[in-house]
Amino acid sequence: MNKNNSKELYFKYSQILGHQGPIYALSQDSEYIYSASADKFVARWNKLSEEQDQFAIRCSHAPFSLLAIPNQSQLLIGLSDGSLHLIDTILKKELKYIKAHQSAVFALAMNPQQKQYYTADSEGQIFVWDKEWNLLIKLPLACGKIRQIVVAEDGSYFIAACADGFYRKFETTFFNEILQVYAHHDGCTALSILPNGDVLSAGKDAYIRRWSRAGEKQNAFAAHLGTIYQLLQLGDQHYISASRDKTIKIWSMLNDSICQKLDLQMAGHRHSINALLSFNGGFISAGDDKRIIIWKDSQLKSM
């Protein structure tokens, strides 16, 4: 047991090497995990074999965001030049090229209930698209970089993490802004909507804050030593944070207490951690050290 951990909930199972640059984003469909890197490649690997296959997309610019579209065998890629590429993952060909954003696309999200897609960039603009990729509306928020968009489970609203420190909430019928919460000094970088409607936010200030559905602060605590880039719910008992400080932390959903710290002492990442993804009862992490690490439930060690 690592001295940082009161209980070992997850352990490093394996890692995947292959990218030649920092990994910025991860996504998945029923069969594959996709990864996007500063080496300008989007690669994928098989969930069952946990091995990289021959699928690879060479991009003209660095891919900053990924969205595997369920049940459609499609992958959306957002690039640093603002372009969007929709790929057929079976035929391995481009279906659409969209040049609407004028700056890097950092956030991609899908709303299955409303049959909408959301894309957001480093200038603070959100574009809303229908299922055929017709532009419905452009929301020029002038809030700086939007790093993440999270859609409510019922599809009735989404929230956006903005560089001006606010997270913003929009309803998905007329796209009115219905809530604005100042969450983090120097910028809000990650969000998660909990099952009861509470919101977890994280930022450049290295804090995690918990907010009610109405935007009332319920808790705040220093979680890391650097910018927090990702928050991920893991089952109904824990959530995870990943940071520029090279660590991953597991937190109690019930009371926000720390349950485990995953760092270099546990063969973790050597540099900033940029992406998290749930996987087979555990999760995957990726970052600037060019590695994808698979973390599994420690109970599997004895099986």
C-alpha atoms as a PDB file:
ATOM      1  CA  MET A   1       0.000   0.000   0.000  1.00  0.00           C
ATOM      2  CA  ASN A   2       1.305   3.420  -0.939  1.00  0.00           C
ATOM      3  CA  LYS A   3       1.889   5.712   2.007  1.00  0.00           C
ATOM      4  CA  ASN A   4      -0.343   8.312   0.326  1.00  0.00           C
ATOM      5  CA  ASN A   5      -3.350   6.012   0.450  1.00  0.00           C
ATOM      6  CA  SER A   6      -5.537   5.008   3.372  1.00  0.00           C
ATOM      7  CA  LYS A   7      -7.000   2.353   1.124  1.00  0.00           C
ATOM      8  CA  GLU A   8      -5.898   1.163  -2.268  1.00  0.00           C
ATOM      9  CA  LEU A   9      -8.998   1.384  -4.420  1.00  0.00           C
ATOM     10  CA  TYR A  10      -7.313   1.280  -7.830  1.00  0.00           C
ATOM     11  CA  PHE A  11      -4.003  -0.027  -9.135  1.00  0.00           C
ATOM     12  CA  LYS A  12      -2.029   0.434 -12.328  1.00  0.00           C
ATOM     13  CA  TYR A  13      -2.878  -2.491 -14.573  1.00  0.00           C
ATOM     14  CA  SER A  14      -1.042  -1.576 -17.770  1.00  0.00           C
ATOM     15  CA  GLN A  15      -0.004   1.287 -19.996  1.00  0.00           C
ATOM     16  CA  ILE A  16      -0.059   2.016 -23.703  1.00  0.00           C
ATOM     17  CA  LEU A  17       2.764   3.737 -25.547  1.00  0.00           C
ATOM     18  CA  GLY A  18       2.723   4.906 -29.130  1.00  0.00           C
ATOM     19  CA  HIS A  19       2.149   8.644 -29.342  1.00  0.00           C
ATOM     20  CA  GLN A  20       5.150  10.883 -29.896  1.00  0.00           C
ATOM     21  CA  GLY A  21       3.686  13.915 -28.159  1.00  0.00           C
ATOM     22  CA  PRO A  22       1.482  14.894 -25.218  1.00  0.00           C
ATOM     23  CA  ILE A  23      -1.996  13.347 -25.249  1.00  0.00           C
ATOM     24  CA  TYR A  24      -4.770  15.914 -25.010  1.00  0.00           C
ATOM     25  CA  ALA A  25      -8.040  13.990 -25.238  1.00  0.00           C
ATOM     26  CA  LEU A  26      -9.665  10.565 -24.954  1.00  0.00           C
ATOM     27  CA  SER A  27     -13.027   9.216 -26.087  1.00  0.00           C
ATOM     28  CA  GLN A  28     -14.629   5.810 -26.586  1.00  0.00           C
ATOM     29  CA  ASP A  29     -17.308   3.826 -28.354  1.00  0.00           C
ATOM     30  CA  SER A  30     -18.446   0.257 -27.697  1.00  0.00           C
ATOM     31  CA  GLU A  31     -15.292  -1.300 -29.168  1.00  0.00           C
ATOM     32  CA  TYR A  32     -12.472   1.223 -29.103  1.00  0.00           C
ATOM     33  CA  ILE A  33     -10.683   3.920 -27.140  1.00  0.00           C
ATOM     34  CA  TYR A  34      -9.528   6.940 -29.168  1.00  0.00           C
ATOM     35  CA  SER A  35      -6.640   9.240 -28.229  1.00  0.00           C
ATOM     36  CA  ALA A  36      -5.571  12.619 -29.628  1.00  0.00           C
ATOM     37  CA  SER A  37      -2.013  13.896 -29.387  1.00  0.00           C
ATOM     38  CA  ALA A  38       0.247  16.850 -30.093  1.00  0.00           C
ATOM     39  CA  ASP A  39       1.980  14.567 -32.609  1.00  0.00           C
ATOM     40  CA  LYS A  40      -1.060  15.395 -34.825  1.00  0.00           C
ATOM     41  CA  PHE A  41      -2.325  11.826 -34.769  1.00  0.00           C
ATOM     42  CA  VAL A  42      -5.596  10.380 -33.533  1.00  0.00           C
ATOM     43  CA  ALA A  43      -5.092   6.702 -32.709  1.00  0.00           C
ATOM     44  CA  ARG A  44      -7.309   3.983 -31.292  1.00  0.00           C
ATOM     45  CA  TRP A  45      -6.963   0.730 -29.437  1.00  0.00           C
ATOM     46  CA  ASN A  46      -9.187  -2.268 -28.884  1.00  0.00           C
ATOM     47  CA  LYS A  47     -11.011  -2.480 -25.545  1.00  0.00           C
ATOM     48  CA  LEU A  48     -10.793  -6.264 -25.361  1.00  0.00           C
ATOM     49  CA  SER A  49      -7.153  -6.777 -26.328  1.00  0.00           C
ATOM     50  CA  GLU A  50      -6.070  -3.377 -24.933  1.00  0.00           C
ATOM     51  CA  GLU A  51      -3.795  -3.099 -27.957  1.00  0.00           C
ATOM     52  CA  GLN A  52      -3.499  -0.339 -30.518  1.00  0.00           C
ATOM     53  CA  ASP A  53      -4.790  -1.274 -33.963  1.00  0.00           C
ATOM     54  CA  GLN A  54      -3.878   0.091 -37.403  1.00  0.00           C
ATOM     55  CA  PHE A  55      -6.439   2.899 -37.328  1.00  0.00           C
ATOM     56  CA  ALA A  56      -4.700   6.288 -37.320  1.00  0.00           C
ATOM     57  CA  ILE A  57      -5.706   9.739 -38.558  1.00  0.00           C
ATOM     58  CA  ARG A  58      -3.034  12.265 -39.420  1.00  0.00           C
ATOM     59  CA  CYS A  59      -4.364  15.759 -38.743  1.00  0.00           C
ATOM     60  CA  SER A  60      -3.174  19.016 -40.280  1.00  0.00           C
ATOM     61  CA  HIS A  61      -2.980  20.609 -36.824  1.00  0.00           C
ATOM     62  CA  ALA A  62      -2.897  19.290 -33.270  1.00  0.00           C
ATOM     63  CA  PRO A  63      -6.200  17.667 -32.233  1.00  0.00           C
ATOM     64  CA  PHE A  64      -7.371  19.128 -28.918  1.00  0.00           C
ATOM     65  CA  SER A  65     -10.757  17.403 -28.527  1.00  0.00           C
ATOM     66  CA  LEU A  66     -12.491  14.135 -29.429  1.00  0.00           C
ATOM     67  CA  LEU A  67     -16.048  12.836 -29.407  1.00  0.00           C
ATOM     68  CA  ALA A  68     -16.905   9.272 -30.380  1.00  0.00           C
ATOM     69  CA  ILE A  69     -20.570   9.305 -31.411  1.00  0.00           C
ATOM     70  CA  PRO A  70     -22.392   6.237 -30.030  1.00  0.00           C
ATOM     71  CA  ASN A  71     -24.101   3.806 -32.410  1.00  0.00           C
ATOM     72  CA  GLN A  72     -23.039   5.741 -35.500  1.00  0.00           C
ATOM     73  CA  SER A  73     -19.424   4.613 -35.996  1.00  0.00           C
ATOM     74  CA  GLN A  74     -18.392   8.256 -36.184  1.00  0.00           C
ATOM     75  CA  LEU A  75     -15.643  10.277 -34.533  1.00  0.00           C
ATOM     76  CA  LEU A  76     -15.605  14.073 -34.241  1.00  0.00           C
ATOM     77  CA  ILE A  77     -12.202  15.754 -33.961  1.00  0.00           C
ATOM     78  CA  GLY A  78     -11.604  19.383 -32.979  1.00  0.00           C
ATOM     79  CA  LEU A  79      -8.284  20.899 -34.047  1.00  0.00           C
ATOM     80  CA  SER A  80      -6.096  23.755 -32.851  1.00  0.00           C
ATOM     81  CA  ASP A  81      -6.907  25.779 -35.992  1.00  0.00           C
ATOM     82  CA  GLY A  82     -10.650  25.690 -35.258  1.00  0.00           C
ATOM     83  CA  SER A  83     -11.598  23.058 -37.811  1.00  0.00           C
ATOM     84  CA  LEU A  84     -13.892  20.103 -37.143  1.00  0.00           C
ATOM     85  CA  HIS A  85     -13.544  16.737 -38.843  1.00  0.00           C
ATOM     86  CA  LEU A  86     -16.210  14.035 -38.778  1.00  0.00           C
ATOM     87  CA  ILE A  87     -14.761  10.591 -39.497  1.00  0.00           C
ATOM     88  CA  ASP A  88     -16.441   7.303 -40.398  1.00  0.00           C
ATOM     89  CA  THR A  89     -14.521   4.884 -38.175  1.00  0.00           C
ATOM     90  CA  ILE A  90     -15.469   1.799 -40.194  1.00  0.00           C
ATOM     91  CA  LEU A  91     -14.704   3.121 -43.663  1.00  0.00           C
ATOM     92  CA  LYS A  92     -11.885   5.267 -42.240  1.00  0.00           C
ATOM     93  CA  LYS A  93     -12.825   8.279 -44.307  1.00  0.00           C
ATOM     94  CA  GLU A  94     -13.870  11.858 -43.669  1.00  0.00           C
ATOM     95  CA  LEU A  95     -17.612  12.519 -43.792  1.00  0.00           C
ATOM     96  CA  LYS A  96     -17.570  16.247 -43.059  1.00  0.00           C
ATOM     97  CA  TYR A  97     -15.082  19.075 -42.781  1.00  0.00           C
ATOM     98  CA  ILE A  98     -16.430  22.107 -40.926  1.00  0.00           C
ATOM     99  CA  LYS A  99     -14.520  25.377 -40.614  1.00  0.00           C
ATOM    100  CA  ALA A 100     -16.748  27.529 -38.422  1.00  0.00           C
ATOM    101  CA  HIS A 101     -14.564  28.265 -35.403  1.00  0.00           C
ATOM    102  CA  GLN A 102     -11.676  30.663 -35.860  1.00  0.00           C
ATOM    103  CA  SER A 103      -9.696  29.389 -32.872  1.00  0.00           C
ATOM    104  CA  ALA A 104      -8.806  26.087 -31.213  1.00  0.00           C
ATOM    105  CA  VAL A 105     -11.732  23.779 -30.421  1.00  0.00           C
ATOM    106  CA  PHE A 106     -11.350  22.556 -26.839  1.00  0.00           C
ATOM    107  CA  ALA A 107     -14.825  21.223 -26.045  1.00  0.00           C
ATOM    108  CA  LEU A 108     -17.162  18.822 -27.848  1.00  0.00           C
ATOM    109  CA  ALA A 109     -20.421  17.396 -26.502  1.00  0.00           C
ATOM    110  CA  MET A 110     -23.506  15.541 -27.693  1.00  0.00           C
ATOM    111  CA  ASN A 111     -27.109  15.819 -26.501  1.00  0.00           C
ATOM    112  CA  PRO A 112     -28.867  12.605 -27.586  1.00  0.00           C
ATOM    113  CA  GLN A 113     -32.266  13.687 -26.227  1.00  0.00           C
ATOM    114  CA  GLN A 114     -32.325  16.933 -28.217  1.00  0.00           C
ATOM    115  CA  LYS A 115     -30.305  15.506 -31.123  1.00  0.00           C
ATOM    116  CA  GLN A 116     -27.810  18.353 -30.837  1.00  0.00           C
ATOM    117  CA  TYR A 117     -24.048  18.769 -30.847  1.00  0.00           C
ATOM    118  CA  TYR A 118     -22.081  21.489 -29.062  1.00  0.00           C
ATOM    119  CA  THR A 119     -18.612  22.743 -29.998  1.00  0.00           C
ATOM    120  CA  ALA A 120     -16.666  25.455 -28.167  1.00  0.00           C
ATOM    121  CA  ASP A 121     -13.400  27.284 -28.734  1.00  0.00           C
ATOM    122  CA  SER A 122     -10.627  29.301 -27.124  1.00  0.00           C
ATOM    123  CA  GLU A 123     -12.337  32.623 -27.930  1.00  0.00           C
ATOM    124  CA  GLY A 124     -15.383  31.781 -25.832  1.00  0.00           C
ATOM    125  CA  GLN A 125     -17.820  30.813 -28.563  1.00  0.00           C
ATOM    126  CA  ILE A 126     -20.267  27.901 -28.419  1.00  0.00           C
ATOM    127  CA  PHE A 127     -21.797  26.604 -31.645  1.00  0.00           C
ATOM    128  CA  VAL A 128     -24.960  24.507 -31.491  1.00  0.00           C
ATOM    129  CA  TRP A 129     -25.575  22.032 -34.333  1.00  0.00           C
ATOM    130  CA  ASP A 130     -28.470  19.761 -35.238  1.00  0.00           C
ATOM    131  CA  LYS A 131     -28.037  16.037 -35.980  1.00  0.00           C
ATOM    132  CA  GLU A 132     -27.240  16.810 -39.658  1.00  0.00           C
ATOM    133  CA  TRP A 133     -24.598  19.374 -38.660  1.00  0.00           C
ATOM    134  CA  ASN A 134     -26.636  22.400 -39.603  1.00  0.00           C
ATOM    135  CA  LEU A 135     -25.744  25.378 -37.405  1.00  0.00           C
ATOM    136  CA  LEU A 136     -28.666  26.271 -35.121  1.00  0.00           C
ATOM    137  CA  ILE A 137     -27.137  29.129 -33.150  1.00  0.00           C
ATOM    138  CA  LYS A 138     -23.835  30.681 -32.184  1.00  0.00           C
ATOM    139  CA  LEU A 139     -23.346  31.820 -28.589  1.00  0.00           C
ATOM    140  CA  PRO A 140     -20.525  34.423 -28.419  1.00  0.00           C
ATOM    141  CA  LEU A 141     -19.832  34.456 -24.696  1.00  0.00           C
ATOM    142  CA  ALA A 142     -16.568  36.449 -24.810  1.00  0.00           C
ATOM    143  CA  CYS A 143     -15.434  34.500 -21.748  1.00  0.00           C
ATOM    144  CA  GLY A 144     -12.070  33.213 -22.953  1.00  0.00           C
ATOM    145  CA  LYS A 145     -11.283  29.566 -23.491  1.00  0.00           C
ATOM    146  CA  ILE A 146     -14.135  27.091 -22.935  1.00  0.00           C
ATOM    147  CA  ARG A 147     -12.502  23.849 -21.851  1.00  0.00           C
ATOM    148  CA  GLN A 148     -15.535  21.662 -21.280  1.00  0.00           C
ATOM    149  CA  ILE A 149     -19.246  21.335 -21.938  1.00  0.00           C
ATOM    150  CA  VAL A 150     -21.294  18.869 -19.877  1.00  0.00           C
ATOM    151  CA  VAL A 151     -24.855  17.925 -20.822  1.00  0.00           C
ATOM    152  CA  ALA A 152     -27.518  17.039 -18.247  1.00  0.00           C
ATOM    153  CA  GLU A 153     -28.710  13.450 -18.403  1.00  0.00           C
ATOM    154  CA  ASP A 154     -32.221  14.485 -19.454  1.00  0.00           C
ATOM    155  CA  GLY A 155     -30.822  16.816 -22.113  1.00  0.00           C
ATOM    156  CA  SER A 156     -32.657  19.860 -20.787  1.00  0.00           C
ATOM    157  CA  TYR A 157     -29.539  21.955 -20.190  1.00  0.00           C
ATOM    158  CA  PHE A 158     -25.762  22.040 -20.474  1.00  0.00           C
ATOM    159  CA  ILE A 159     -23.013  23.787 -18.527  1.00  0.00           C
ATOM    160  CA  ALA A 160     -19.763  25.271 -19.804  1.00  0.00           C
ATOM    161  CA  ALA A 161     -16.417  25.764 -18.021  1.00  0.00           C
ATOM    162  CA  CYS A 162     -15.117  29.223 -18.919  1.00  0.00           C
ATOM    163  CA  ALA A 163     -11.718  30.890 -18.614  1.00  0.00           C
ATOM    164  CA  ASP A 164     -13.166  34.003 -16.961  1.00  0.00           C
ATOM    165  CA  GLY A 165     -13.821  31.882 -13.864  1.00  0.00           C
ATOM    166  CA  PHE A 166     -17.536  31.299 -14.376  1.00  0.00           C
ATOM    167  CA  TYR A 167     -19.477  28.239 -15.271  1.00  0.00           C
ATOM    168  CA  ARG A 168     -22.579  28.995 -17.292  1.00  0.00           C
ATOM    169  CA  LYS A 169     -25.805  27.036 -17.669  1.00  0.00           C
ATOM    170  CA  PHE A 170     -27.956  27.081 -20.812  1.00  0.00           C
ATOM    171  CA  GLU A 171     -31.345  25.537 -21.498  1.00  0.00           C
ATOM    172  CA  THR A 172     -31.459  23.553 -24.742  1.00  0.00           C
ATOM    173  CA  THR A 173     -34.719  24.744 -26.319  1.00  0.00           C
ATOM    174  CA  PHE A 174     -34.012  28.448 -26.903  1.00  0.00           C
ATOM    175  CA  PHE A 175     -30.414  28.424 -25.543  1.00  0.00           C
ATOM    176  CA  ASN A 176     -30.985  31.123 -22.969  1.00  0.00           C
ATOM    177  CA  GLU A 177     -28.364  31.456 -20.257  1.00  0.00           C
ATOM    178  CA  ILE A 178     -30.205  30.540 -17.068  1.00  0.00           C
ATOM    179  CA  LEU A 179     -27.367  30.552 -14.539  1.00  0.00           C
ATOM    180  CA  GLN A 180     -23.933  32.101 -14.180  1.00  0.00           C
ATOM    181  CA  VAL A 181     -21.717  31.124 -11.249  1.00  0.00           C
ATOM    182  CA  TYR A 182     -18.301  32.599 -10.450  1.00  0.00           C
ATOM    183  CA  ALA A 183     -16.520  29.412  -9.512  1.00  0.00           C
ATOM    184  CA  HIS A 184     -12.726  29.779  -9.807  1.00  0.00           C
ATOM    185  CA  HIS A 185     -10.149  32.526  -9.745  1.00  0.00           C
ATOM    186  CA  ASP A 186      -8.117  32.527 -13.007  1.00  0.00           C
ATOM    187  CA  GLY A 187     -10.502  30.164 -14.775  1.00  0.00           C
ATOM    188  CA  CYS A 188     -12.915  27.244 -14.519  1.00  0.00           C
ATOM    189  CA  THR A 189     -11.423  24.219 -16.294  1.00  0.00           C
ATOM    190  CA  ALA A 190     -13.559  21.147 -15.512  1.00  0.00           C
ATOM    191  CA  LEU A 191     -17.141  20.302 -14.579  1.00  0.00           C
ATOM    192  CA  SER A 192     -19.290  17.334 -13.617  1.00  0.00           C
ATOM    193  CA  ILE A 193     -23.041  17.095 -13.013  1.00  0.00           C
ATOM    194  CA  LEU A 194     -23.841  14.725 -10.147  1.00  0.00           C
ATOM    195  CA  PRO A 195     -26.915  12.464 -10.159  1.00  0.00           C
ATOM    196  CA  ASN A 196     -28.792  14.772  -7.772  1.00  0.00           C
ATOM    197  CA  GLY A 197     -28.148  17.820  -9.965  1.00  0.00           C
ATOM    198  CA  ASP A 198     -25.267  19.216  -7.928  1.00  0.00           C
ATOM    199  CA  VAL A 199     -22.291  20.491  -9.924  1.00  0.00           C
ATOM    200  CA  LEU A 200     -18.625  19.833  -9.225  1.00  0.00           C
ATOM    201  CA  SER A 201     -16.277  22.446 -10.649  1.00  0.00           C
ATOM    202  CA  ALA A 202     -12.489  22.642 -10.786  1.00  0.00           C
ATOM    203  CA  GLY A 203     -10.106  25.331 -11.905  1.00  0.00           C
ATOM    204  CA  LYS A 204      -6.702  26.871 -12.314  1.00  0.00           C
ATOM    205  CA  ASP A 205      -6.796  27.710  -8.608  1.00  0.00           C
ATOM    206  CA  ALA A 206      -6.453  23.937  -7.935  1.00  0.00           C
ATOM    207  CA  TYR A 207      -9.727  23.935  -5.958  1.00  0.00           C
ATOM    208  CA  ILE A 208     -12.750  21.711  -6.306  1.00  0.00           C
ATOM    209  CA  ARG A 209     -16.081  23.289  -5.421  1.00  0.00           C
ATOM    210  CA  ARG A 210     -19.505  21.714  -5.073  1.00  0.00           C
ATOM    211  CA  TRP A 211     -22.596  23.714  -6.057  1.00  0.00           C
ATOM    212  CA  SER A 212     -26.308  23.101  -5.699  1.00  0.00           C
ATOM    213  CA  ARG A 213     -28.512  22.955  -8.776  1.00  0.00           C
ATOM    214  CA  ALA A 214     -29.297  26.630  -8.115  1.00  0.00           C
ATOM    215  CA  GLY A 215     -25.605  27.574  -7.969  1.00  0.00           C
ATOM    216  CA  GLU A 216     -25.215  27.866  -4.196  1.00  0.00           C
ATOM    217  CA  LYS A 217     -21.777  26.872  -2.914  1.00  0.00           C
ATOM    218  CA  GLN A 218     -21.886  23.797  -0.699  1.00  0.00           C
ATOM    219  CA  ASN A 219     -18.203  22.955  -0.323  1.00  0.00           C
ATOM    220  CA  ALA A 220     -14.765  24.141  -1.430  1.00  0.00           C
ATOM    221  CA  PHE A 221     -11.346  22.638  -0.848  1.00  0.00           C
ATOM    222  CA  ALA A 222      -7.797  22.785  -2.160  1.00  0.00           C
ATOM    223  CA  ALA A 223      -7.502  19.541  -4.106  1.00  0.00           C
ATOM    224  CA  HIS A 224      -4.199  19.787  -6.001  1.00  0.00           C
ATOM    225  CA  LEU A 225      -1.043  21.852  -6.428  1.00  0.00           C
ATOM    226  CA  GLY A 226      -1.818  22.909  -9.992  1.00  0.00           C
ATOM    227  CA  THR A 227      -4.595  23.358 -12.536  1.00  0.00           C
ATOM    228  CA  ILE A 228      -7.208  20.586 -12.476  1.00  0.00           C
ATOM    229  CA  TYR A 229      -7.934  19.508 -16.046  1.00  0.00           C
ATOM    230  CA  GLN A 230     -10.496  16.751 -15.565  1.00  0.00           C
ATOM    231  CA  LEU A 231     -13.232  15.533 -13.239  1.00  0.00           C
ATOM    232  CA  LEU A 232     -14.780  12.092 -13.699  1.00  0.00           C
ATOM    233  CA  GLN A 233     -17.547  10.301 -11.803  1.00  0.00           C
ATOM    234  CA  LEU A 234     -16.716   6.688 -11.082  1.00  0.00           C
ATOM    235  CA  GLY A 235     -19.798   4.758  -9.999  1.00  0.00           C
ATOM    236  CA  ASP A 236     -21.999   6.175  -7.265  1.00  0.00           C
ATOM    237  CA  GLN A 237     -19.354   6.379  -4.534  1.00  0.00           C
ATOM    238  CA  HIS A 238     -16.334   8.174  -6.016  1.00  0.00           C
ATOM    239  CA  TYR A 239     -15.193  10.846  -8.398  1.00  0.00           C
ATOM    240  CA  ILE A 240     -11.700  11.524  -9.736  1.00  0.00           C
ATOM    241  CA  SER A 241      -9.634  14.637 -10.402  1.00  0.00           C
ATOM    242  CA  ALA A 242      -6.572  14.882 -12.650  1.00  0.00           C
ATOM    243  CA  SER A 243      -4.123  17.743 -12.479  1.00  0.00           C
ATOM    244  CA  ARG A 244      -1.133  19.503 -13.921  1.00  0.00           C
ATOM    245  CA  ASP A 245       0.622  18.526 -10.674  1.00  0.00           C
ATOM    246  CA  LYS A 246       1.036  14.964 -12.114  1.00  0.00           C
ATOM    247  CA  THR A 247      -1.414  13.352  -9.696  1.00  0.00           C
ATOM    248  CA  ILE A 248      -4.828  11.728  -9.830  1.00  0.00           C
ATOM    249  CA  LYS A 249      -6.994  11.786  -6.714  1.00  0.00           C
ATOM    250  CA  ILE A 250     -10.018   9.686  -5.827  1.00  0.00           C
ATOM    251  CA  TRP A 251     -12.680  11.462  -3.739  1.00  0.00           C
ATOM    252  CA  SER A 252     -15.742  10.351  -1.816  1.00  0.00           C
ATOM    253  CA  MET A 253     -18.963  11.380  -3.526  1.00  0.00           C
ATOM    254  CA  LEU A 254     -20.603  11.521  -0.096  1.00  0.00           C
ATOM    255  CA  ASN A 255     -18.374  13.998   1.728  1.00  0.00           C
ATOM    256  CA  ASP A 256     -15.567  15.052  -0.674  1.00  0.00           C
ATOM    257  CA  SER A 257     -12.891  13.388   1.466  1.00  0.00           C
ATOM    258  CA  ILE A 258      -9.816  12.005  -0.277  1.00  0.00           C
ATOM    259  CA  CYS A 259      -9.756   8.222  -0.647  1.00  0.00           C
ATOM    260  CA  GLN A 260      -6.630   7.636  -2.729  1.00  0.00           C
ATOM    261  CA  LYS A 261      -3.803   9.466  -4.461  1.00  0.00           C
ATOM    262  CA  LEU A 262      -2.213   8.030  -7.609  1.00  0.00           C
ATOM    263  CA  ASP A 263       1.192   9.475  -8.407  1.00  0.00           C
ATOM    264  CA  LEU A 264       4.667   8.527  -9.596  1.00  0.00           C
ATOM    265  CA  GLN A 265       5.165   6.341  -6.522  1.00  0.00           C
ATOM    266  CA  MET A 266       2.401   4.137  -7.901  1.00  0.00           C
ATOM    267  CA  ALA A 267       3.987   4.148 -11.373  1.00  0.00           C
ATOM    268  CA  GLY A 268       1.682   6.965 -12.406  1.00  0.00           C
ATOM    269  CA  HIS A 269       2.263   9.903 -14.712  1.00  0.00           C
ATOM    270  CA  ARG A 270       5.460  11.924 -14.918  1.00  0.00           C
ATOM    271  CA  HIS A 271       3.874  15.092 -16.263  1.00  0.00           C
ATOM    272  CA  SER A 272       0.552  16.924 -16.478  1.00  0.00           C
ATOM    273  CA  ILE A 273      -2.550  14.707 -16.735  1.00  0.00           C
ATOM    274  CA  ASN A 274      -4.986  15.985 -19.332  1.00  0.00           C
ATOM    275  CA  ALA A 275      -7.676  13.343 -19.833  1.00  0.00           C
ATOM    276  CA  LEU A 276      -9.712  10.738 -17.931  1.00  0.00           C
ATOM    277  CA  LEU A 277     -12.119   8.108 -19.196  1.00  0.00           C
ATOM    278  CA  SER A 278     -14.159   5.445 -17.398  1.00  0.00           C
ATOM    279  CA  PHE A 279     -13.239   1.917 -18.481  1.00  0.00           C
ATOM    280  CA  ASN A 280     -14.341  -1.580 -17.396  1.00  0.00           C
ATOM    281  CA  GLY A 281     -15.107  -0.636 -13.797  1.00  0.00           C
ATOM    282  CA  GLY A 282     -11.916   1.400 -13.575  1.00  0.00           C
ATOM    283  CA  PHE A 283     -10.584   4.277 -15.628  1.00  0.00           C
ATOM    284  CA  ILE A 284      -7.928   5.453 -18.059  1.00  0.00           C
ATOM    285  CA  SER A 285      -5.688   8.498 -17.798  1.00  0.00           C
ATOM    286  CA  ALA A 286      -3.440  10.232 -20.328  1.00  0.00           C
ATOM    287  CA  GLY A 287      -1.204  13.257 -20.351  1.00  0.00           C
ATOM    288  CA  ASP A 288       1.936  15.106 -21.348  1.00  0.00           C
ATOM    289  CA  ASP A 289       4.179  12.080 -20.734  1.00  0.00           C
ATOM    290  CA  LYS A 290       2.717  10.490 -23.920  1.00  0.00           C
ATOM    291  CA  ARG A 291       1.306   7.555 -21.961  1.00  0.00           C
ATOM    292  CA  ILE A 292      -2.148   6.073 -21.573  1.00  0.00           C
ATOM    293  CA  ILE A 293      -2.481   4.272 -18.224  1.00  0.00           C
ATOM    294  CA  ILE A 294      -5.183   1.760 -17.372  1.00  0.00           C
ATOM    295  CA  TRP A 295      -6.239   1.742 -13.706  1.00  0.00           C
ATOM    296  CA  LYS A 296      -8.339  -1.137 -12.424  1.00  0.00           C
ATOM    297  CA  ASP A 297     -10.323  -1.904  -9.305  1.00  0.00           C
ATOM    298  CA  SER A 298      -7.971  -3.328  -6.675  1.00  0.00           C
ATOM    299  CA  GLN A 299     -10.431  -6.112  -5.918  1.00  0.00           C
ATOM    300  CA  LEU A 300      -9.467  -7.618  -9.270  1.00  0.00           C
ATOM    301  CA  LYS A 301      -5.966  -8.311  -7.947  1.00  0.00           C
ATOM    302  CA  SER A 302      -7.253 -11.272  -5.961  1.00  0.00           C
ATOM    303  CA  MET A 303      -9.356 -12.704  -8.768  1.00  0.00           C
END
